C-alpha atoms as a PDB file:
ATOM      1  CA  MET A   1     -24.922 -49.470-172.443  1.00  0.00           C
ATOM      2  CA  THR A   2     -28.392 -49.342-173.996  1.00  0.00           C
ATOM      3  CA  ASP A   3     -29.579 -51.755-176.677  1.00  0.00           C
ATOM      4  CA  SER A   4     -29.176 -48.900-179.188  1.00  0.00           C
ATOM      5  CA  PRO A   5     -25.991 -46.982-178.307  1.00  0.00           C
ATOM      6  CA  LYS A   6     -26.159 -43.210-178.648  1.00  0.00           C
ATOM      7  CA  ILE A   7     -23.848 -41.940-181.404  1.00  0.00           C
ATOM      8  CA  VAL A   8     -22.822 -38.336-182.056  1.00  0.00           C
ATOM      9  CA  PHE A   9     -21.361 -37.402-185.447  1.00  0.00           C
ATOM     10  CA  LEU A  10     -18.921 -34.482-185.455  1.00  0.00           C
ATOM     11  CA  LEU A  11     -18.698 -32.867-188.891  1.00  0.00           C
ATOM     12  CA  VAL A  12     -16.578 -29.933-190.039  1.00  0.00           C
ATOM     13  CA  ASN A  13     -17.511 -27.450-192.733  1.00  0.00           C
ATOM     14  CA  TYR A  14     -14.951 -25.289-194.491  1.00  0.00           C
ATOM     15  CA  PHE A  15     -16.496 -23.397-197.410  1.00  0.00           C
ATOM     16  CA  ASN A  16     -18.226 -26.585-198.530  1.00  0.00           C
ATOM     17  CA  GLU A  17     -21.632 -26.302-196.884  1.00  0.00           C
ATOM     18  CA  LYS A  18     -23.501 -27.833-199.828  1.00  0.00           C
ATOM     19  CA  GLU A  19     -21.503 -31.041-199.431  1.00  0.00           C
ATOM     20  CA  ALA A  20     -21.979 -30.982-195.647  1.00  0.00           C
ATOM     21  CA  CYS A  21     -25.734 -30.576-196.005  1.00  0.00           C
ATOM     22  CA  SER A  22     -25.936 -33.280-198.684  1.00  0.00           C
ATOM     23  CA  PHE A  23     -24.009 -35.694-196.471  1.00  0.00           C
ATOM     24  CA  VAL A  24     -26.421 -35.133-193.606  1.00  0.00           C
ATOM     25  CA  GLU A  25     -29.535 -35.270-195.797  1.00  0.00           C
ATOM     26  CA  GLU A  26     -28.527 -38.312-197.848  1.00  0.00           C
ATOM     27  CA  GLN A  27     -26.271 -40.369-195.568  1.00  0.00           C
ATOM     28  CA  LEU A  28     -27.257 -39.570-191.991  1.00  0.00           C
ATOM     29  CA  LYS A  29     -30.806 -38.195-191.892  1.00  0.00           C
ATOM     30  CA  PRO A  30     -32.470 -41.400-193.187  1.00  0.00           C
ATOM     31  CA  ASN A  31     -30.940 -43.180-190.171  1.00  0.00           C
ATOM     32  CA  ILE A  32     -31.517 -40.524-187.540  1.00  0.00           C
ATOM     33  CA  ASN A  33     -33.488 -41.651-184.530  1.00  0.00           C
ATOM     34  CA  ASN A  34     -33.375 -40.975-180.817  1.00  0.00           C
ATOM     35  CA  PHE A  35     -29.842 -42.404-180.695  1.00  0.00           C
ATOM     36  CA  ILE A  36     -28.077 -40.409-183.416  1.00  0.00           C
ATOM     37  CA  GLU A  37     -27.173 -36.722-183.242  1.00  0.00           C
ATOM     38  CA  ILE A  38     -25.065 -34.501-185.485  1.00  0.00           C
ATOM     39  CA  VAL A  39     -22.913 -31.497-184.634  1.00  0.00           C
ATOM     40  CA  ILE A  40     -21.552 -29.417-187.516  1.00  0.00           C
ATOM     41  CA  THR A  41     -18.747 -26.976-186.740  1.00  0.00           C
ATOM     42  CA  ASP A  42     -18.447 -24.196-189.291  1.00  0.00           C
ATOM     43  CA  ASN A  43     -14.813 -23.220-189.860  1.00  0.00           C
ATOM     44  CA  GLY A  44     -15.845 -20.866-192.656  1.00  0.00           C
ATOM     45  CA  SER A  45     -18.706 -20.703-195.119  1.00  0.00           C
ATOM     46  CA  ASN A  46     -20.043 -18.881-198.148  1.00  0.00           C
ATOM     47  CA  ASN A  47     -23.647 -19.491-197.092  1.00  0.00           C
ATOM     48  CA  PHE A  48     -24.005 -20.111-193.366  1.00  0.00           C
ATOM     49  CA  ASP A  49     -27.788 -19.939-193.761  1.00  0.00           C
ATOM     50  CA  LEU A  50     -27.730 -23.375-195.414  1.00  0.00           C
ATOM     51  CA  LEU A  51     -26.358 -24.916-192.234  1.00  0.00           C
ATOM     52  CA  GLN A  52     -28.793 -23.008-190.044  1.00  0.00           C
ATOM     53  CA  GLN A  53     -31.725 -24.081-192.202  1.00  0.00           C
ATOM     54  CA  LEU A  54     -30.609 -27.701-191.902  1.00  0.00           C
ATOM     55  CA  SER A  55     -30.538 -27.467-188.103  1.00  0.00           C
ATOM     56  CA  LEU A  56     -34.016 -25.918-188.110  1.00  0.00           C
ATOM     57  CA  LYS A  57     -35.391 -28.712-190.300  1.00  0.00           C
ATOM     58  CA  CYS A  58     -33.795 -31.482-188.255  1.00  0.00           C
ATOM     59  CA  LYS A  59     -33.817 -31.293-184.471  1.00  0.00           C
ATOM     60  CA  SER A  60     -30.974 -33.835-184.260  1.00  0.00           C
ATOM     61  CA  VAL A  61     -28.607 -31.422-186.036  1.00  0.00           C
ATOM     62  CA  SER A  62     -26.871 -28.539-184.266  1.00  0.00           C
ATOM     63  CA  VAL A  63     -24.433 -26.024-185.737  1.00  0.00           C
ATOM     64  CA  VAL A  64     -21.483 -24.425-183.972  1.00  0.00           C
ATOM     65  CA  LYS A  65     -19.879 -21.331-185.479  1.00  0.00           C
ATOM     66  CA  SER A  66     -16.106 -20.934-185.150  1.00  0.00           C
ATOM     67  CA  ASN A  67     -14.586 -17.480-185.402  1.00  0.00           C
ATOM     68  CA  THR A  68     -11.514 -18.877-187.137  1.00  0.00           C
ATOM     69  CA  ASN A  69     -10.369 -21.965-189.034  1.00  0.00           C
ATOM     70  CA  LEU A  70      -9.561 -24.458-186.276  1.00  0.00           C
ATOM     71  CA  GLY A  71      -8.688 -27.287-188.637  1.00  0.00           C
ATOM     72  CA  TYR A  72     -10.243 -30.757-188.684  1.00  0.00           C
ATOM     73  CA  PHE A  73      -9.837 -32.049-185.132  1.00  0.00           C
ATOM     74  CA  GLY A  74      -9.798 -28.541-183.653  1.00  0.00           C
ATOM     75  CA  ALA A  75     -13.256 -27.869-185.045  1.00  0.00           C
ATOM     76  CA  ALA A  76     -14.514 -31.329-184.093  1.00  0.00           C
ATOM     77  CA  ASN A  77     -13.257 -30.744-180.554  1.00  0.00           C
ATOM     78  CA  LEU A  78     -15.128 -27.419-180.400  1.00  0.00           C
ATOM     79  CA  GLY A  79     -18.285 -29.177-181.550  1.00  0.00           C
ATOM     80  CA  LEU A  80     -17.937 -31.869-178.893  1.00  0.00           C
ATOM     81  CA  THR A  81     -17.159 -29.289-176.191  1.00  0.00           C
ATOM     82  CA  GLU A  82     -20.309 -27.332-177.029  1.00  0.00           C
ATOM     83  CA  TYR A  83     -22.367 -30.528-177.145  1.00  0.00           C
ATOM     84  CA  LEU A  84     -21.168 -31.621-173.704  1.00  0.00           C
ATOM     85  CA  LYS A  85     -22.197 -28.323-172.122  1.00  0.00           C
ATOM     86  CA  ASN A  86     -25.794 -29.524-172.086  1.00  0.00           C
ATOM     87  CA  LYS A  87     -25.608 -33.279-172.633  1.00  0.00           C
ATOM     88  CA  GLU A  88     -23.814 -36.345-171.346  1.00  0.00           C
ATOM     89  CA  LEU A  89     -20.957 -38.082-173.137  1.00  0.00           C
ATOM     90  CA  PRO A  90     -22.559 -40.387-175.734  1.00  0.00           C
ATOM     91  CA  ASP A  91     -21.732 -44.051-176.163  1.00  0.00           C
ATOM     92  CA  ALA A  92     -19.715 -43.222-179.271  1.00  0.00           C
ATOM     93  CA  VAL A  93     -18.358 -40.202-181.110  1.00  0.00           C
ATOM     94  CA  VAL A  94     -17.721 -40.325-184.860  1.00  0.00           C
ATOM     95  CA  ILE A  95     -15.431 -37.816-186.551  1.00  0.00           C
ATOM     96  CA  CYS A  96     -15.699 -38.045-190.310  1.00  0.00           C
ATOM     97  CA  ASN A  97     -15.362 -36.173-193.570  1.00  0.00           C
ATOM     98  CA  THR A  98     -18.429 -35.058-195.478  1.00  0.00           C
ATOM     99  CA  ASP A  99     -17.206 -36.712-198.703  1.00  0.00           C
ATOM    100  CA  ILE A 100     -18.172 -40.107-197.281  1.00  0.00           C
ATOM    101  CA  GLU A 101     -20.779 -42.588-198.483  1.00  0.00           C
ATOM    102  CA  LEU A 102     -22.018 -45.164-195.979  1.00  0.00           C
ATOM    103  CA  LYS A 103     -22.483 -48.664-197.368  1.00  0.00           C
ATOM    104  CA  ASP A 104     -24.852 -51.554-196.652  1.00  0.00           C
ATOM    105  CA  ASN A 105     -26.267 -51.757-193.096  1.00  0.00           C
ATOM    106  CA  PHE A 106     -23.640 -49.451-191.649  1.00  0.00           C
ATOM    107  CA  PHE A 107     -25.557 -48.104-188.645  1.00  0.00           C
ATOM    108  CA  LYS A 108     -26.922 -51.471-187.627  1.00  0.00           C
ATOM    109  CA  ASP A 109     -23.466 -53.029-187.822  1.00  0.00           C
ATOM    110  CA  LEU A 110     -21.850 -50.151-185.918  1.00  0.00           C
ATOM    111  CA  GLN A 111     -24.391 -50.371-183.113  1.00  0.00           C
ATOM    112  CA  GLN A 112     -23.785 -54.117-182.867  1.00  0.00           C
ATOM    113  CA  LYS A 113     -20.040 -53.467-182.641  1.00  0.00           C
ATOM    114  CA  LEU A 114     -20.549 -50.969-179.852  1.00  0.00           C
ATOM    115  CA  ALA A 115     -22.760 -53.371-177.949  1.00  0.00           C
ATOM    116  CA  SER A 116     -20.629 -56.486-178.339  1.00  0.00           C
ATOM    117  CA  GLU A 117     -16.934 -55.700-178.955  1.00  0.00           C
ATOM    118  CA  LYS A 118     -14.375 -54.147-176.654  1.00  0.00           C
ATOM    119  CA  PHE A 119     -12.537 -51.262-178.333  1.00  0.00           C
ATOM    120  CA  ASP A 120     -11.633 -47.626-177.754  1.00  0.00           C
ATOM    121  CA  ILE A 121     -10.931 -46.528-181.343  1.00  0.00           C
ATOM    122  CA  LEU A 122     -12.384 -48.080-184.482  1.00  0.00           C
ATOM    123  CA  GLY A 123     -11.872 -47.646-188.200  1.00  0.00           C
ATOM    124  CA  PRO A 124     -14.084 -49.187-190.907  1.00  0.00           C
ATOM    125  CA  ALA A 125     -13.039 -50.348-194.356  1.00  0.00           C
ATOM    126  CA  ILE A 126     -12.666 -47.085-196.304  1.00  0.00           C
ATOM    127  CA  TYR A 127     -12.646 -47.478-200.068  1.00  0.00           C
ATOM    128  CA  SER A 128     -10.997 -44.502-201.784  1.00  0.00           C
ATOM    129  CA  THR A 129     -12.586 -43.701-205.137  1.00  0.00           C
ATOM    130  CA  PHE A 130      -9.442 -41.773-206.071  1.00  0.00           C
ATOM    131  CA  LEU A 131      -6.809 -44.393-205.295  1.00  0.00           C
ATOM    132  CA  ASN A 132      -9.115 -47.400-205.771  1.00  0.00           C
ATOM    133  CA  TYR A 133      -8.117 -49.186-202.590  1.00  0.00           C
ATOM    134  CA  ASN A 134      -9.065 -49.613-198.948  1.00  0.00           C
ATOM    135  CA  GLN A 135      -7.352 -46.970-196.793  1.00  0.00           C
ATOM    136  CA  ASN A 136      -7.539 -49.091-193.638  1.00  0.00           C
ATOM    137  CA  PRO A 137      -5.694 -50.339-191.748  1.00  0.00           C
ATOM    138  CA  TYR A 138      -4.009 -46.972-192.333  1.00  0.00           C
ATOM    139  CA  ILE A 139      -0.704 -47.524-190.500  1.00  0.00           C
ATOM    140  CA  PRO A 140      -0.362 -51.196-189.490  1.00  0.00           C
ATOM    141  CA  GLU A 141       2.646 -50.709-187.196  1.00  0.00           C
ATOM    142  CA  ARG A 142       4.041 -47.696-185.376  1.00  0.00           C
ATOM    143  CA  ILE A 143       5.651 -45.229-187.750  1.00  0.00           C
ATOM    144  CA  SER A 144       9.421 -44.999-187.282  1.00  0.00           C
ATOM    145  CA  THR A 145      11.127 -41.824-186.132  1.00  0.00           C
ATOM    146  CA  ALA A 146      13.260 -41.916-189.285  1.00  0.00           C
ATOM    147  CA  LYS A 147      10.219 -42.011-191.568  1.00  0.00           C
ATOM    148  CA  LEU A 148       8.500 -39.210-189.673  1.00  0.00           C
ATOM    149  CA  LYS A 149      11.657 -37.103-189.890  1.00  0.00           C
ATOM    150  CA  PHE A 150      11.762 -37.775-193.637  1.00  0.00           C
ATOM    151  CA  LEU A 151       8.143 -36.633-194.037  1.00  0.00           C
ATOM    152  CA  HIS A 152       8.954 -33.608-191.903  1.00  0.00           C
ATOM    153  CA  PHE A 153      11.896 -32.762-194.157  1.00  0.00           C
ATOM    154  CA  ILE A 154      10.049 -33.001-197.473  1.00  0.00           C
ATOM    155  CA  SER A 155       7.154 -30.914-196.133  1.00  0.00           C
ATOM    156  CA  SER A 156       9.631 -28.126-195.346  1.00  0.00           C
ATOM    157  CA  ASN A 157       9.952 -27.384-199.079  1.00  0.00           C
ATOM    158  CA  TYR A 158       6.825 -26.842-201.165  1.00  0.00           C
ATOM    159  CA  ILE A 159       8.392 -27.724-204.522  1.00  0.00           C
ATOM    160  CA  LEU A 160      10.018 -30.873-203.158  1.00  0.00           C
ATOM    161  CA  TYR A 161       6.773 -31.908-201.518  1.00  0.00           C
ATOM    162  CA  SER A 162       4.787 -31.365-204.733  1.00  0.00           C
ATOM    163  CA  LEU A 163       7.244 -33.398-206.828  1.00  0.00           C
ATOM    164  CA  LEU A 164       7.248 -36.288-204.368  1.00  0.00           C
ATOM    165  CA  THR A 165       3.445 -36.205-204.193  1.00  0.00           C
ATOM    166  CA  VAL A 166       3.312 -37.195-207.868  1.00  0.00           C
ATOM    167  CA  TYR A 167       5.708 -40.078-207.207  1.00  0.00           C
ATOM    168  CA  PHE A 168       3.899 -41.347-204.124  1.00  0.00           C
ATOM    169  CA  LEU A 169       0.453 -41.144-205.749  1.00  0.00           C
ATOM    170  CA  THR A 170       1.675 -43.115-208.762  1.00  0.00           C
ATOM    171  CA  LYS A 171       3.252 -45.710-206.501  1.00  0.00           C
ATOM    172  CA  ALA A 172       0.132 -45.917-204.349  1.00  0.00           C
ATOM    173  CA  LYS A 173      -2.076 -46.723-207.302  1.00  0.00           C
ATOM    174  CA  LEU A 174       0.319 -49.480-208.372  1.00  0.00           C
ATOM    175  CA  VAL A 175       1.060 -51.198-205.081  1.00  0.00           C
ATOM    176  CA  ASN A 176      -1.712 -50.500-202.583  1.00  0.00           C
ATOM    177  CA  ASN A 177      -4.093 -53.195-203.799  1.00  0.00           C
ATOM    178  CA  LYS A 178      -1.343 -55.730-203.147  1.00  0.00           C
ATOM    179  CA  LYS A 179      -0.569 -54.116-199.781  1.00  0.00           C
ATOM    180  CA  ASN A 180      -4.233 -54.383-198.807  1.00  0.00           C
ATOM    181  CA  GLU A 181      -4.170 -58.128-199.350  1.00  0.00           C
ATOM    182  CA  THR A 182      -1.261 -58.333-196.918  1.00  0.00           C
ATOM    183  CA  ASN A 183      -2.777 -56.022-194.294  1.00  0.00           C
ATOM    184  CA  LYS A 184      -6.433 -57.061-194.398  1.00  0.00           C
ATOM    185  CA  GLU A 185      -5.997 -59.553-191.560  1.00  0.00           C
ATOM    186  CA  ILE A 186      -4.568 -56.901-189.200  1.00  0.00           C
ATOM    187  CA  LYS A 187      -7.311 -56.325-186.643  1.00  0.00           C
ATOM    188  CA  ASN A 188      -5.425 -54.093-184.208  1.00  0.00           C
ATOM    189  CA  PRO A 189      -3.374 -51.617-186.257  1.00  0.00           C
ATOM    190  CA  TYR A 190      -1.295 -48.732-184.957  1.00  0.00           C
ATOM    191  CA  ALA A 191      -3.580 -46.173-186.635  1.00  0.00           C
ATOM    192  CA  VAL A 192      -6.833 -46.038-188.596  1.00  0.00           C
ATOM    193  CA  HIS A 193      -7.624 -43.473-191.292  1.00  0.00           C
ATOM    194  CA  GLY A 194      -8.804 -40.059-190.147  1.00  0.00           C
ATOM    195  CA  SER A 195     -11.566 -39.658-192.730  1.00  0.00           C
ATOM    196  CA  PHE A 196     -13.809 -41.826-190.536  1.00  0.00           C
ATOM    197  CA  MET A 197     -12.915 -42.581-186.921  1.00  0.00           C
ATOM    198  CA  VAL A 198     -15.174 -43.989-184.229  1.00  0.00           C
ATOM    199  CA  PHE A 199     -14.340 -43.234-180.597  1.00  0.00           C
ATOM    200  CA  ASN A 200     -15.976 -45.369-177.959  1.00  0.00           C
ATOM    201  CA  LYS A 201     -17.045 -43.576-174.785  1.00  0.00           C
ATOM    202  CA  SER A 202     -14.182 -45.394-173.077  1.00  0.00           C
ATOM    203  CA  PHE A 203     -11.622 -43.459-175.149  1.00  0.00           C
ATOM    204  CA  PHE A 204     -12.516 -40.262-173.341  1.00  0.00           C
ATOM    205  CA  GLN A 205     -13.079 -41.919-169.970  1.00  0.00           C
ATOM    206  CA  LYS A 206      -9.541 -43.336-170.052  1.00  0.00           C
ATOM    207  CA  GLY A 207      -7.996 -39.926-170.745  1.00  0.00           C
ATOM    208  CA  GLY A 208      -8.046 -39.724-174.537  1.00  0.00           C
ATOM    209  CA  THR A 209      -8.615 -36.391-176.238  1.00  0.00           C
ATOM    210  CA  ILE A 210      -9.324 -35.060-179.721  1.00  0.00           C
ATOM    211  CA  ASN A 211      -7.915 -31.654-178.758  1.00  0.00           C
ATOM    212  CA  TYR A 212      -5.122 -31.710-181.348  1.00  0.00           C
ATOM    213  CA  PRO A 213      -2.820 -28.652-181.060  1.00  0.00           C
ATOM    214  CA  ALA A 214      -1.873 -28.626-184.763  1.00  0.00           C
ATOM    215  CA  VAL A 215      -4.240 -27.177-187.359  1.00  0.00           C
ATOM    216  CA  LEU A 216      -4.275 -29.964-189.947  1.00  0.00           C
ATOM    217  CA  PHE A 217      -2.738 -33.361-190.766  1.00  0.00           C
ATOM    218  CA  GLY A 218      -1.214 -36.026-188.550  1.00  0.00           C
ATOM    219  CA  GLU A 219      -4.402 -36.587-186.553  1.00  0.00           C
ATOM    220  CA  GLU A 220      -4.088 -40.360-186.989  1.00  0.00           C
ATOM    221  CA  ILE A 221      -0.640 -40.407-185.385  1.00  0.00           C
ATOM    222  CA  PHE A 222      -1.843 -38.097-182.594  1.00  0.00           C
ATOM    223  CA  ILE A 223      -4.605 -40.573-181.742  1.00  0.00           C
ATOM    224  CA  ALA A 224      -2.340 -43.625-182.176  1.00  0.00           C
ATOM    225  CA  GLU A 225       0.268 -42.245-179.788  1.00  0.00           C
ATOM    226  CA  GLN A 226      -2.390 -41.629-177.171  1.00  0.00           C
ATOM    227  CA  ALA A 227      -3.511 -45.217-177.637  1.00  0.00           C
ATOM    228  CA  ARG A 228       0.059 -46.410-176.975  1.00  0.00           C
ATOM    229  CA  LYS A 229       0.398 -44.258-173.863  1.00  0.00           C
ATOM    230  CA  LEU A 230      -3.004 -45.129-172.385  1.00  0.00           C
ATOM    231  CA  ASN A 231      -3.100 -48.791-173.484  1.00  0.00           C
ATOM    232  CA  LEU A 232      -6.173 -48.236-175.615  1.00  0.00           C
ATOM    233  CA  ILE A 233      -7.539 -50.780-178.065  1.00  0.00           C
ATOM    234  CA  THR A 234      -7.625 -49.794-181.739  1.00  0.00           C
ATOM    235  CA  VAL A 235      -9.718 -52.007-183.999  1.00  0.00           C
ATOM    236  CA  TYR A 236     -10.005 -52.257-187.768  1.00  0.00           C
ATOM    237  CA  ALA A 237     -13.531 -53.499-188.550  1.00  0.00           C
ATOM    238  CA  SER A 238     -13.537 -54.699-192.159  1.00  0.00           C
ATOM    239  CA  GLU A 239     -17.238 -55.549-192.025  1.00  0.00           C
ATOM    240  CA  LEU A 240     -18.100 -51.866-191.646  1.00  0.00           C
ATOM    241  CA  LYS A 241     -17.796 -50.255-195.065  1.00  0.00           C
ATOM    242  CA  VAL A 242     -17.712 -46.670-196.318  1.00  0.00           C
ATOM    243  CA  LYS A 243     -16.753 -45.093-199.616  1.00  0.00           C
ATOM    244  CA  HIS A 244     -14.434 -42.074-199.546  1.00  0.00           C
ATOM    245  CA  HIS A 245     -14.784 -39.635-202.437  1.00  0.00           C
ATOM    246  CA  GLU A 246     -11.321 -38.401-201.595  1.00  0.00           C
ATOM    247  CA  HIS A 247      -9.825 -34.936-202.041  1.00  0.00           C
ATOM    248  CA  ALA A 248     -13.132 -33.153-202.454  1.00  0.00           C
ATOM    249  CA  THR A 249     -12.104 -30.745-199.684  1.00  0.00           C
ATOM    250  CA  THR A 250      -8.313 -30.380-199.589  1.00  0.00           C
ATOM    251  CA  GLY A 251      -7.348 -31.370-203.142  1.00  0.00           C
ATOM    252  CA  VAL A 252      -4.706 -33.822-204.315  1.00  0.00           C
ATOM    253  CA  PHE A 253      -2.045 -31.142-204.537  1.00  0.00           C
ATOM    254  CA  LYS A 254      -1.985 -29.073-201.392  1.00  0.00           C
ATOM    255  CA  SER A 255      -1.607 -25.316-201.309  1.00  0.00           C
ATOM    256  CA  ARG A 256       1.499 -23.684-199.872  1.00  0.00           C
ATOM    257  CA  GLN A 257      -0.483 -22.915-196.715  1.00  0.00           C
ATOM    258  CA  ALA A 258      -1.596 -26.531-196.384  1.00  0.00           C
ATOM    259  CA  VAL A 259       1.982 -27.793-196.764  1.00  0.00           C
ATOM    260  CA  LYS A 260       3.006 -25.298-194.092  1.00  0.00           C
ATOM    261  CA  PHE A 261       0.366 -26.792-191.790  1.00  0.00           C
ATOM    262  CA  LEU A 262       1.698 -30.253-192.634  1.00  0.00           C
ATOM    263  CA  TYR A 263       5.222 -29.232-191.644  1.00  0.00           C
ATOM    264  CA  GLN A 264       3.953 -27.749-188.379  1.00  0.00           C
ATOM    265  CA  SER A 265       2.050 -30.943-187.603  1.00  0.00           C
ATOM    266  CA  TYR A 266       5.107 -33.136-188.129  1.00  0.00           C
ATOM    267  CA  THR A 267       7.126 -30.740-185.970  1.00  0.00           C
ATOM    268  CA  TYR A 268       4.597 -31.107-183.157  1.00  0.00           C
ATOM    269  CA  LEU A 269       4.410 -34.898-183.432  1.00  0.00           C
ATOM    270  CA  LEU A 270       8.184 -35.316-183.448  1.00  0.00           C
ATOM    271  CA  LYS A 271       8.690 -33.081-180.419  1.00  0.00           C
ATOM    272  CA  THR A 272       5.803 -34.565-178.448  1.00  0.00           C
ATOM    273  CA  PHE A 273       5.981 -38.296-179.134  1.00  0.00           C
ATOM    274  CA  PHE A 274       9.232 -39.219-180.898  1.00  0.00           C
ATOM    275  CA  ASN A 275      11.998 -37.680-178.818  1.00  0.00           C
END
């Protein structure tokens, strides 16, 4: 590995190209050098020209146009596939939301991590401005089949899901700060939060994939179950910090279509990993 590991950011735009462009311009572009590249997959846009103009202004940015909404990981996977047609697998791949703010010396610290620590999947400390707590480690221990079946059940009914969302959000705001104090020492959790995930080159070399068959939701469990199967190392790096301006894209209360996608994701995860 080189002294400055090559990092590729995979971003997804879905009718939010102004936010995507702002994220690149404000958070990534000031740090772009010969070792950082950005691939934006457009799942749908009101002004595709904004993305094209960004790629013309910055040679480190490329844009991939999808003919349909592939979802979060589906679009990221398309972006990586197109990237690898002409270039080698980078030292690290980052999949992240565009409602993220990088804190302190994030790139320097991430490059040091890549150069010095053995891991396949990494999650930073992610402070949610909506819930006012750190979203990592996201799932400290493997989720139980019973809990996943419960989540699957409530997502089968839109009204039930919406009512329970209010309850869970209220509970989260009350108890998650305390939970964070308990979990902050967990360095190797079951799953890290999907809003910002770092995949070492080794993740792909050992057989890992981001080709998630479901459209949306459950990506963290999909990655965590691969880690279990392939004996991959998942690390929570509390010294790496980002701020998550949560729900800018999907909203706190999901649409009927989004809840349908959620149900389909849980169906896939149960059938594939929890039989």
